[in-house]
N, C-alpha and C. Protein backbone atom coordinates (compact mmCIF):
# COMPACT_ATOMS: atom_id res chain seq x y z
N MET A 1 28.35 -2.50 -5.46
CA MET A 1 27.99 -2.86 -4.28
C MET A 1 26.72 -3.04 -5.52
N HIS A 2 25.94 -4.12 -5.37
CA HIS A 2 25.00 -3.97 -6.66
C HIS A 2 23.69 -4.22 -5.24
N LEU A 3 22.52 -3.31 -5.54
CA LEU A 3 21.71 -3.29 -5.24
C LEU A 3 20.74 -4.12 -5.72
N PRO A 4 20.14 -4.72 -4.21
CA PRO A 4 18.85 -5.85 -5.08
C PRO A 4 18.02 -5.01 -5.58
N ASP A 5 16.48 -5.71 -6.69
CA ASP A 5 15.92 -4.80 -6.99
C ASP A 5 14.82 -3.79 -6.44
N GLY A 6 14.70 -2.76 -6.65
CA GLY A 6 13.25 -1.85 -6.15
C GLY A 6 14.38 -1.15 -5.18
N LEU A 7 15.36 -1.49 -4.25
CA LEU A 7 15.56 -0.82 -3.24
C LEU A 7 16.33 0.47 -3.37
N ALA A 8 17.02 0.60 -4.78
CA ALA A 8 17.35 2.17 -4.98
C ALA A 8 16.52 2.79 -5.33
N THR A 9 15.18 2.67 -5.69
CA THR A 9 13.84 3.44 -5.99
C THR A 9 13.38 3.96 -4.72
N ILE A 10 13.00 3.13 -3.57
CA ILE A 10 12.78 2.67 -2.30
C ILE A 10 13.48 4.08 -1.54
N ILE A 11 14.84 3.52 -1.57
CA ILE A 11 15.45 4.65 -0.74
C ILE A 11 15.36 5.96 -1.24
N ASN A 12 15.71 6.37 -2.84
CA ASN A 12 15.23 7.27 -3.14
C ASN A 12 13.88 8.16 -2.66
N GLU A 13 12.22 7.24 -2.70
CA GLU A 13 11.90 7.54 -2.43
C GLU A 13 11.46 8.50 -0.62
N ASN A 14 12.28 7.16 -0.15
CA ASN A 14 12.11 7.55 2.18
C ASN A 14 13.17 8.21 1.89
N GLY A 15 14.20 8.37 1.42
CA GLY A 15 15.40 9.15 2.11
C GLY A 15 15.98 10.20 1.20
N GLY A 16 15.06 10.52 -0.08
CA GLY A 16 14.93 12.28 -0.82
C GLY A 16 16.11 12.57 -0.59
N GLY A 17 16.72 11.72 -1.70
CA GLY A 17 18.57 11.86 -2.36
C GLY A 17 18.82 10.57 -3.14
N LEU A 18 20.48 11.40 -3.32
CA LEU A 18 20.96 10.41 -4.55
C LEU A 18 20.85 9.03 -4.46
N ILE A 19 21.55 8.51 -4.77
CA ILE A 19 21.75 6.81 -4.11
C ILE A 19 23.60 6.75 -4.41
N GLN A 20 23.85 6.63 -3.82
CA GLN A 20 25.77 6.60 -3.31
C GLN A 20 26.28 5.11 -4.39
N ASN A 21 27.57 5.32 -4.61
CA ASN A 21 27.96 5.00 -5.47
C ASN A 21 28.81 3.51 -4.92
N ASN A 22 29.24 3.72 -3.79
CA ASN A 22 29.98 2.98 -3.37
C ASN A 22 29.29 2.41 -1.82
N GLU A 23 29.86 1.08 -1.63
CA GLU A 23 29.43 0.42 -0.38
C GLU A 23 28.96 1.19 0.68
N ALA A 24 30.87 2.02 0.80
CA ALA A 24 30.17 2.51 2.45
C ALA A 24 28.79 3.70 2.37
N GLY A 25 29.05 5.18 0.90
CA GLY A 25 27.89 5.68 1.15
C GLY A 25 26.86 5.03 0.82
N CYS A 26 26.36 4.03 0.87
CA CYS A 26 25.04 2.91 0.59
C CYS A 26 24.54 3.09 2.26
N HIS A 27 25.04 1.96 2.78
CA HIS A 27 25.14 1.53 4.09
C HIS A 27 25.19 2.72 4.84
N LYS A 28 26.13 3.98 5.00
CA LYS A 28 25.73 5.22 5.33
C LYS A 28 24.33 5.72 5.43
N GLN A 29 23.49 5.46 3.86
CA GLN A 29 22.36 6.35 3.37
C GLN A 29 21.24 5.67 4.16
N ILE A 30 21.77 4.02 3.97
CA ILE A 30 20.02 3.45 4.28
C ILE A 30 20.13 3.20 5.67
N GLN A 31 21.66 3.63 6.50
CA GLN A 31 21.40 3.59 8.44
C GLN A 31 20.56 4.65 8.71
N ARG A 32 21.05 6.54 8.05
CA ARG A 32 19.68 7.21 7.49
C ARG A 32 18.94 6.78 7.72
N ILE A 33 18.30 5.99 7.13
CA ILE A 33 16.97 5.82 6.70
C ILE A 33 16.37 5.26 7.81
N VAL A 34 16.88 4.37 8.17
CA VAL A 34 16.18 2.66 8.70
C VAL A 34 16.60 3.34 10.08
N GLY A 35 17.84 4.30 10.31
CA GLY A 35 17.94 4.47 12.22
C GLY A 35 18.78 3.28 12.57
N ARG A 36 19.48 2.92 11.74
CA ARG A 36 20.46 1.97 12.80
C ARG A 36 21.61 1.12 11.63
N PRO A 37 22.27 1.04 12.58
CA PRO A 37 23.81 0.66 10.73
C PRO A 37 23.16 -0.59 10.36
N THR A 38 24.05 -0.72 8.88
CA THR A 38 23.16 -1.86 8.63
C THR A 38 23.87 -3.08 9.04
N ASP A 39 25.75 -3.05 8.93
CA ASP A 39 26.14 -4.10 10.02
C ASP A 39 25.44 -4.79 10.28
N VAL A 40 24.85 -5.77 10.49
CA VAL A 40 24.09 -6.59 11.42
C VAL A 40 24.43 -8.18 11.38
N SER A 41 25.56 -8.31 12.31
CA SER A 41 26.14 -9.89 11.76
C SER A 41 26.03 -10.39 12.81
N ALA A 42 25.95 -9.52 13.72
CA ALA A 42 25.76 -10.40 15.14
C ALA A 42 24.02 -9.84 15.52
N THR A 43 23.18 -9.90 14.26
CA THR A 43 21.53 -9.99 14.20
C THR A 43 21.33 -11.17 13.64
N PRO A 44 19.94 -11.72 13.62
CA PRO A 44 19.64 -13.07 13.53
C PRO A 44 19.65 -12.81 11.38
N SER A 45 19.38 -13.77 11.16
CA SER A 45 19.61 -13.64 9.61
C SER A 45 18.04 -13.45 8.83
N SER A 46 17.91 -12.71 7.81
CA SER A 46 16.55 -12.92 7.23
C SER A 46 15.48 -13.82 7.23
N LYS A 47 15.90 -15.04 7.64
CA LYS A 47 15.04 -16.03 7.18
C LYS A 47 14.58 -16.64 8.82
N GLU A 48 15.21 -15.88 9.86
CA GLU A 48 15.08 -15.87 11.03
C GLU A 48 13.90 -15.20 11.46
N ILE A 49 14.22 -13.55 10.85
CA ILE A 49 13.91 -12.39 11.22
C ILE A 49 12.47 -12.83 10.19
N PHE A 50 12.29 -13.37 9.50
CA PHE A 50 11.25 -13.18 8.46
C PHE A 50 9.68 -14.68 8.68
N SER A 51 10.74 -15.49 9.52
CA SER A 51 9.92 -16.62 9.92
C SER A 51 8.52 -15.97 10.55
N THR A 52 8.46 -14.77 11.61
CA THR A 52 7.77 -14.17 12.74
C THR A 52 6.71 -14.08 11.62
N LEU A 53 6.51 -13.33 10.12
CA LEU A 53 5.62 -13.28 9.67
C LEU A 53 4.37 -14.33 9.24
N THR A 54 3.60 -14.39 8.80
CA THR A 54 2.80 -15.06 8.23
C THR A 54 3.10 -15.57 6.65
N GLU A 55 2.35 -16.13 6.58
CA GLU A 55 2.62 -16.91 4.90
C GLU A 55 2.57 -15.99 3.82
N VAL A 56 0.94 -14.95 4.66
CA VAL A 56 0.55 -13.83 3.54
C VAL A 56 1.60 -12.41 3.23
N GLU A 57 2.25 -12.53 4.55
CA GLU A 57 3.23 -11.71 4.93
C GLU A 57 4.68 -11.57 4.37
N ARG A 58 5.00 -12.96 4.27
CA ARG A 58 6.77 -12.91 4.00
C ARG A 58 5.91 -13.05 2.49
N GLU A 59 5.34 -13.51 1.59
CA GLU A 59 5.03 -12.80 0.21
C GLU A 59 4.78 -11.04 -0.13
N ILE A 60 4.44 -10.87 0.74
CA ILE A 60 4.03 -9.37 0.42
C ILE A 60 5.04 -9.20 1.16
N ALA A 61 5.79 -8.57 2.15
CA ALA A 61 7.50 -8.14 2.23
C ALA A 61 7.98 -8.88 1.21
N GLN A 62 8.37 -9.64 0.54
CA GLN A 62 9.45 -9.96 -1.25
C GLN A 62 8.63 -8.95 -1.83
N LEU A 63 7.64 -8.92 -1.67
CA LEU A 63 6.93 -8.09 -3.23
C LEU A 63 7.51 -6.72 -2.96
N VAL A 64 7.41 -6.09 -1.65
CA VAL A 64 7.65 -4.94 -1.17
C VAL A 64 9.40 -4.27 -1.87
N CYS A 65 10.07 -5.97 -1.05
CA CYS A 65 11.56 -5.93 -1.11
C CYS A 65 12.11 -5.56 -2.76
N LYS A 66 10.96 -5.93 -3.57
CA LYS A 66 11.52 -5.83 -4.65
C LYS A 66 10.88 -4.45 -5.92
N GLY A 67 10.32 -3.67 -4.48
CA GLY A 67 9.50 -2.27 -5.52
C GLY A 67 8.66 -2.39 -5.75
N LEU A 68 7.76 -3.03 -5.61
CA LEU A 68 6.38 -3.09 -5.82
C LEU A 68 5.29 -2.03 -4.87
N SER A 69 4.55 -0.98 -5.97
CA SER A 69 3.91 -0.53 -4.88
C SER A 69 2.06 -1.14 -3.98
N ASN A 70 1.82 -0.71 -3.42
CA ASN A 70 0.91 -1.50 -2.77
C ASN A 70 -0.42 -1.99 -3.89
N LYS A 71 -0.96 -1.05 -4.43
CA LYS A 71 -1.94 -1.29 -5.83
C LYS A 71 -1.16 -2.34 -6.37
N GLN A 72 0.12 -2.60 -6.91
CA GLN A 72 0.26 -3.69 -7.56
C GLN A 72 0.57 -5.34 -6.99
N ILE A 73 0.87 -4.74 -5.35
CA ILE A 73 1.09 -6.45 -5.00
C ILE A 73 -0.59 -6.68 -4.84
N GLY A 74 -1.75 -5.77 -4.46
CA GLY A 74 -2.98 -6.02 -4.34
C GLY A 74 -3.08 -6.76 -5.61
N ARG A 75 -3.03 -6.52 -6.57
CA ARG A 75 -3.42 -7.16 -8.18
C ARG A 75 -2.71 -7.79 -8.69
N ARG A 76 -1.24 -8.10 -8.20
CA ARG A 76 -0.59 -9.49 -8.08
C ARG A 76 -1.20 -10.39 -7.16
N LEU A 77 -1.32 -9.93 -5.82
CA LEU A 77 -2.69 -11.60 -5.45
C LEU A 77 -3.49 -11.30 -5.13
N ASN A 78 -4.39 -10.47 -5.57
CA ASN A 78 -5.55 -10.67 -5.81
C ASN A 78 -6.31 -10.25 -4.60
N LEU A 79 -5.83 -9.08 -3.83
CA LEU A 79 -5.74 -8.48 -2.79
C LEU A 79 -5.88 -6.46 -2.83
N SER A 80 -7.21 -6.23 -2.13
CA SER A 80 -7.62 -5.37 -2.39
C SER A 80 -6.28 -4.02 -1.75
N GLU A 81 -6.18 -3.20 -2.10
CA GLU A 81 -4.95 -2.24 -1.91
C GLU A 81 -5.06 -1.87 -0.25
N GLY A 82 -6.06 -1.59 -0.08
CA GLY A 82 -6.46 -1.72 1.57
C GLY A 82 -6.29 -3.15 2.54
N SER A 83 -6.35 -4.08 2.17
CA SER A 83 -5.74 -5.23 2.56
C SER A 83 -4.28 -5.32 2.71
N VAL A 84 -3.60 -4.62 1.64
CA VAL A 84 -2.48 -4.85 1.49
C VAL A 84 -1.40 -4.04 2.55
N LYS A 85 -1.88 -2.83 2.20
CA LYS A 85 -1.52 -1.55 3.24
C LYS A 85 -1.72 -2.04 4.75
N VAL A 86 -3.24 -3.01 4.88
CA VAL A 86 -3.15 -3.28 6.75
C VAL A 86 -1.97 -4.62 6.59
N HIS A 87 -1.69 -5.30 5.67
CA HIS A 87 -0.84 -6.73 5.78
C HIS A 87 0.84 -5.67 6.36
N VAL A 88 1.08 -4.98 5.19
CA VAL A 88 2.53 -3.97 5.51
C VAL A 88 2.52 -3.08 6.93
N HIS A 89 1.50 -2.77 7.15
CA HIS A 89 1.40 -2.44 8.88
C HIS A 89 2.34 -3.39 9.66
N GLU A 90 1.14 -4.52 9.40
CA GLU A 90 1.36 -5.59 10.63
C GLU A 90 3.35 -5.89 10.11
N ILE A 91 3.19 -5.71 9.03
CA ILE A 91 4.23 -6.55 9.00
C ILE A 91 5.40 -5.37 9.83
N TYR A 92 5.52 -4.36 9.72
CA TYR A 92 5.94 -3.66 10.21
C TYR A 92 6.43 -3.35 11.94
N GLN A 93 4.81 -3.58 12.51
CA GLN A 93 5.17 -4.00 13.96
C GLN A 93 5.66 -5.25 14.49
N LYS A 94 5.28 -6.08 13.29
CA LYS A 94 6.66 -7.26 13.97
C LYS A 94 7.30 -7.45 13.92
N LEU A 95 8.30 -6.57 12.48
CA LEU A 95 9.46 -6.55 12.41
C LEU A 95 10.07 -5.12 13.52
N ALA A 96 8.91 -4.58 14.35
CA ALA A 96 9.52 -3.22 14.45
C ALA A 96 10.37 -2.22 13.47
N ILE A 97 10.24 -1.67 12.61
CA ILE A 97 10.45 -1.27 11.41
C ILE A 97 9.32 0.03 11.14
N ARG A 98 9.75 1.33 10.45
CA ARG A 98 8.98 2.46 10.15
C ARG A 98 8.27 2.72 8.61
N ASN A 99 9.31 1.43 7.64
CA ASN A 99 9.14 1.92 6.12
C ASN A 99 9.15 1.02 5.92
N ARG A 100 9.16 1.26 4.20
CA ARG A 100 9.67 0.01 2.93
C ARG A 100 11.44 -0.36 2.53
N ALA A 101 12.24 1.10 3.10
CA ALA A 101 13.95 0.62 3.00
C ALA A 101 13.96 -0.07 4.17
N ALA A 102 13.15 -0.14 5.41
CA ALA A 102 13.77 -1.02 6.69
C ALA A 102 13.74 -2.16 6.46
N LEU A 103 12.71 -2.11 5.58
CA LEU A 103 12.05 -3.72 5.34
C LEU A 103 13.26 -4.70 4.24
N ALA A 104 13.61 -3.38 3.52
CA ALA A 104 14.17 -4.23 2.44
C ALA A 104 15.74 -4.10 2.64
N ALA A 105 16.00 -3.16 4.03
CA ALA A 105 17.31 -3.52 4.12
C ALA A 105 17.62 -4.76 5.51
N MET A 106 16.07 -5.23 5.97
CA MET A 106 16.40 -6.45 6.60
C MET A 106 16.69 -7.34 5.61
N ALA A 107 15.96 -7.22 5.16
CA ALA A 107 16.13 -8.32 3.96
C ALA A 107 17.45 -9.09 2.67
N THR A 108 17.75 -7.76 2.89
CA THR A 108 19.30 -7.68 2.71
C THR A 108 20.43 -8.26 2.92
N PRO A 109 20.50 -9.93 2.52
CA PRO A 109 22.26 -9.93 3.42
C PRO A 109 23.44 -8.90 4.03
N SER A 110 23.76 -8.96 4.70
CA SER A 110 24.62 -8.12 5.19
C SER A 110 26.36 -8.55 4.30
N ARG A 111 27.21 -7.52 3.47
CA ARG A 111 28.22 -8.05 3.04
C ARG A 111 29.08 -7.40 3.58
N LYS A 112 30.52 -8.50 4.07
CA LYS A 112 31.96 -8.21 4.49
C LYS A 112 32.89 -7.53 3.72
């Protein structure tokens, strides 16, 4: 299973463990971090989920999923680190998630 850019780093930073080298192990580790199963075939697509976000929030969410820090995102979008932090918090609230790993998991299409 190929993990999207930055997801392995996010999982290690938020999950405090080694990345599993097989799909079942990855899904189990993501489920532990996110708090729900990653096989979400009955849930809306990433496009539908992210349609609730503003354009700036979607752009920030994409950069978070690529593994960029708030400071790096701020530099790239010409925003203060504090502004990025506020946007990230709003993204978490709108998507009912708690961390970057959950955001990355939501943005990753489920594979069977």
